[in-house]
Amino acid sequence: MRSPDPSDGRAVLAQVTPAGAKMVESRRKERIGRLADQLDPHHRQALAASLPALLEMARCPPTQQADGTASPIQ
């Protein structure tokens, strides 16, 4: 769905419909399945074991440098 941006008349705001969100989720699951099928069982198990830590890292807010830019990952 599209609607005019109330703060910028030149821009348009786009919003995913529920049907579109379902399609994106379905395709994401299919792609993950295809990628996982390419891994050998040992690597698939290692990836599954690392997911909790990766999810926690993704939830961490980025740190910022003095100039306001995001700090590089060290």
N, C-alpha and C. Protein backbone atom coordinates (compact mmCIF):
# COMPACT_ATOMS: atom_id res chain seq x y z
N MET A 1 0.85 -1.17 0.00
CA MET A 1 0.00 0.00 0.00
C MET A 1 0.90 1.24 0.00
N ARG A 2 0.50 2.24 -0.73
CA ARG A 2 1.27 3.48 -0.80
C ARG A 2 0.41 4.63 -0.32
N SER A 3 1.08 5.58 0.32
CA SER A 3 0.40 6.80 0.74
C SER A 3 1.41 7.94 0.70
N PRO A 4 0.93 9.16 0.53
CA PRO A 4 1.85 10.30 0.49
C PRO A 4 2.53 10.49 1.85
N ASP A 5 3.78 10.90 1.80
CA ASP A 5 4.52 11.21 3.03
C ASP A 5 4.04 12.57 3.51
N PRO A 6 3.46 12.63 4.72
CA PRO A 6 2.93 13.91 5.20
C PRO A 6 4.00 14.97 5.43
N SER A 7 5.24 14.56 5.64
CA SER A 7 6.29 15.54 5.90
C SER A 7 7.10 15.90 4.66
N ASP A 8 6.88 15.19 3.54
CA ASP A 8 7.62 15.46 2.32
C ASP A 8 6.72 15.11 1.13
N GLY A 9 6.15 16.11 0.52
CA GLY A 9 5.23 15.90 -0.59
C GLY A 9 5.82 15.20 -1.79
N ARG A 10 7.15 15.14 -1.87
CA ARG A 10 7.80 14.48 -3.00
C ARG A 10 7.90 12.98 -2.79
N ALA A 11 7.74 12.54 -1.56
CA ALA A 11 7.97 11.13 -1.22
C ALA A 11 6.66 10.37 -1.06
N VAL A 12 6.78 9.07 -1.16
CA VAL A 12 5.64 8.18 -0.96
C VAL A 12 6.05 7.15 0.09
N LEU A 13 5.15 6.87 1.03
CA LEU A 13 5.39 5.85 2.04
C LEU A 13 4.78 4.53 1.55
N ALA A 14 5.53 3.47 1.66
CA ALA A 14 5.05 2.15 1.24
C ALA A 14 4.90 1.28 2.48
N GLN A 15 3.84 0.49 2.49
CA GLN A 15 3.58 -0.42 3.60
C GLN A 15 3.24 -1.78 3.02
N VAL A 16 3.83 -2.82 3.58
CA VAL A 16 3.58 -4.17 3.12
C VAL A 16 2.20 -4.61 3.58
N THR A 17 1.45 -5.20 2.67
CA THR A 17 0.13 -5.72 3.03
C THR A 17 0.31 -7.06 3.76
N PRO A 18 -0.71 -7.52 4.47
CA PRO A 18 -0.61 -8.84 5.11
C PRO A 18 -0.28 -9.95 4.10
N ALA A 19 -0.88 -9.89 2.91
CA ALA A 19 -0.57 -10.90 1.89
C ALA A 19 0.88 -10.80 1.44
N GLY A 20 1.37 -9.59 1.30
CA GLY A 20 2.78 -9.40 0.93
C GLY A 20 3.72 -9.90 2.00
N ALA A 21 3.38 -9.65 3.25
CA ALA A 21 4.21 -10.13 4.37
C ALA A 21 4.26 -11.65 4.39
N LYS A 22 3.12 -12.30 4.09
CA LYS A 22 3.09 -13.77 4.03
C LYS A 22 4.00 -14.28 2.92
N MET A 23 3.96 -13.60 1.78
CA MET A 23 4.78 -14.02 0.66
C MET A 23 6.27 -13.87 0.98
N VAL A 24 6.64 -12.76 1.58
CA VAL A 24 8.04 -12.53 1.95
C VAL A 24 8.49 -13.61 2.95
N GLU A 25 7.68 -13.90 3.94
CA GLU A 25 8.03 -14.91 4.94
C GLU A 25 8.17 -16.29 4.30
N SER A 26 7.27 -16.62 3.39
CA SER A 26 7.32 -17.91 2.71
C SER A 26 8.60 -18.04 1.89
N ARG A 27 8.93 -17.00 1.15
CA ARG A 27 10.14 -17.05 0.32
C ARG A 27 11.40 -17.06 1.18
N ARG A 28 11.36 -16.37 2.32
CA ARG A 28 12.51 -16.38 3.22
C ARG A 28 12.74 -17.79 3.75
N LYS A 29 11.67 -18.46 4.16
CA LYS A 29 11.79 -19.83 4.66
C LYS A 29 12.31 -20.77 3.58
N GLU A 30 11.81 -20.61 2.36
CA GLU A 30 12.29 -21.45 1.25
C GLU A 30 13.78 -21.25 1.02
N ARG A 31 14.22 -19.99 1.04
CA ARG A 31 15.65 -19.70 0.79
C ARG A 31 16.51 -20.26 1.90
N ILE A 32 16.09 -20.08 3.14
CA ILE A 32 16.86 -20.63 4.26
C ILE A 32 16.95 -22.14 4.14
N GLY A 33 15.85 -22.78 3.76
CA GLY A 33 15.86 -24.23 3.57
C GLY A 33 16.83 -24.66 2.49
N ARG A 34 16.83 -23.95 1.36
CA ARG A 34 17.76 -24.29 0.28
C ARG A 34 19.21 -24.10 0.72
N LEU A 35 19.48 -23.03 1.45
CA LEU A 35 20.85 -22.79 1.93
C LEU A 35 21.26 -23.85 2.94
N ALA A 36 20.37 -24.18 3.86
CA ALA A 36 20.69 -25.19 4.88
C ALA A 36 20.91 -26.56 4.25
N ASP A 37 20.19 -26.86 3.18
CA ASP A 37 20.35 -28.15 2.50
C ASP A 37 21.73 -28.31 1.90
N GLN A 38 22.41 -27.21 1.64
CA GLN A 38 23.75 -27.26 1.05
C GLN A 38 24.83 -27.55 2.10
N LEU A 39 24.49 -27.41 3.37
CA LEU A 39 25.46 -27.64 4.43
C LEU A 39 25.52 -29.11 4.80
N ASP A 40 26.70 -29.57 5.18
CA ASP A 40 26.78 -30.93 5.69
C ASP A 40 26.20 -30.94 7.11
N PRO A 41 25.80 -32.10 7.63
CA PRO A 41 25.15 -32.16 8.94
C PRO A 41 25.96 -31.52 10.06
N HIS A 42 27.27 -31.66 10.04
CA HIS A 42 28.11 -31.07 11.09
C HIS A 42 27.99 -29.54 11.08
N HIS A 43 28.07 -28.94 9.89
CA HIS A 43 27.97 -27.48 9.79
C HIS A 43 26.56 -27.00 10.12
N ARG A 44 25.56 -27.77 9.73
CA ARG A 44 24.17 -27.41 10.05
C ARG A 44 23.97 -27.40 11.56
N GLN A 45 24.54 -28.39 12.24
CA GLN A 45 24.44 -28.45 13.71
C GLN A 45 25.18 -27.29 14.35
N ALA A 46 26.35 -26.95 13.84
CA ALA A 46 27.13 -25.83 14.39
C ALA A 46 26.37 -24.51 14.20
N LEU A 47 25.75 -24.34 13.04
CA LEU A 47 24.97 -23.13 12.79
C LEU A 47 23.79 -23.04 13.74
N ALA A 48 23.07 -24.14 13.92
CA ALA A 48 21.93 -24.16 14.84
C ALA A 48 22.36 -23.84 16.26
N ALA A 49 23.52 -24.35 16.67
CA ALA A 49 24.02 -24.09 18.03
C ALA A 49 24.39 -22.63 18.22
N SER A 50 24.79 -21.95 17.14
CA SER A 50 25.22 -20.55 17.25
C SER A 50 24.06 -19.56 17.19
N LEU A 51 22.87 -20.00 16.78
CA LEU A 51 21.76 -19.07 16.59
C LEU A 51 21.39 -18.27 17.84
N PRO A 52 21.31 -18.85 19.04
CA PRO A 52 20.96 -18.02 20.20
C PRO A 52 21.93 -16.84 20.40
N ALA A 53 23.23 -17.08 20.24
CA ALA A 53 24.20 -15.99 20.40
C ALA A 53 24.05 -14.95 19.28
N LEU A 54 23.80 -15.41 18.05
CA LEU A 54 23.63 -14.47 16.95
C LEU A 54 22.38 -13.61 17.14
N LEU A 55 21.30 -14.21 17.61
CA LEU A 55 20.08 -13.45 17.87
C LEU A 55 20.30 -12.41 18.96
N GLU A 56 21.03 -12.78 20.00
CA GLU A 56 21.32 -11.83 21.08
C GLU A 56 22.16 -10.67 20.55
N MET A 57 23.15 -10.98 19.71
CA MET A 57 23.98 -9.93 19.14
C MET A 57 23.14 -8.99 18.27
N ALA A 58 22.19 -9.53 17.52
CA ALA A 58 21.36 -8.71 16.64
C ALA A 58 20.47 -7.77 17.44
N ARG A 59 20.14 -8.13 18.66
CA ARG A 59 19.28 -7.29 19.50
C ARG A 59 20.06 -6.19 20.20
N CYS A 60 21.38 -6.27 20.24
CA CYS A 60 22.20 -5.26 20.92
C CYS A 60 22.17 -3.95 20.13
N PRO A 61 21.96 -2.84 20.82
CA PRO A 61 21.99 -1.56 20.10
C PRO A 61 23.41 -1.27 19.62
N PRO A 62 23.55 -0.65 18.46
CA PRO A 62 24.88 -0.33 17.97
C PRO A 62 25.53 0.73 18.85
N THR A 63 26.82 0.64 19.02
CA THR A 63 27.54 1.68 19.75
C THR A 63 27.90 2.78 18.76
N GLN A 64 28.05 3.99 19.27
CA GLN A 64 28.36 5.11 18.39
C GLN A 64 29.70 5.74 18.76
N GLN A 65 30.36 6.27 17.75
CA GLN A 65 31.58 7.00 17.95
C GLN A 65 31.23 8.45 18.30
N ALA A 66 32.23 9.22 18.64
CA ALA A 66 32.01 10.61 19.05
C ALA A 66 31.33 11.43 17.95
N ASP A 67 31.58 11.09 16.67
CA ASP A 67 30.96 11.86 15.57
C ASP A 67 29.56 11.38 15.24
N GLY A 68 29.03 10.40 16.01
CA GLY A 68 27.68 9.94 15.81
C GLY A 68 27.54 8.77 14.85
N THR A 69 28.64 8.37 14.20
CA THR A 69 28.58 7.23 13.29
C THR A 69 28.71 5.94 14.10
N ALA A 70 28.21 4.85 13.52
CA ALA A 70 28.29 3.55 14.20
C ALA A 70 29.74 3.10 14.27
N SER A 71 30.09 2.52 15.41
CA SER A 71 31.44 1.99 15.58
C SER A 71 31.59 0.72 14.75
N PRO A 72 32.76 0.51 14.13
CA PRO A 72 32.97 -0.73 13.41
C PRO A 72 33.03 -1.91 14.39
N ILE A 73 32.64 -3.08 13.91
CA ILE A 73 32.72 -4.29 14.76
C ILE A 73 34.18 -4.64 14.94
N GLN A 74 34.53 -4.90 16.17
CA GLN A 74 35.93 -5.25 16.45
C GLN A 74 36.04 -6.69 16.83
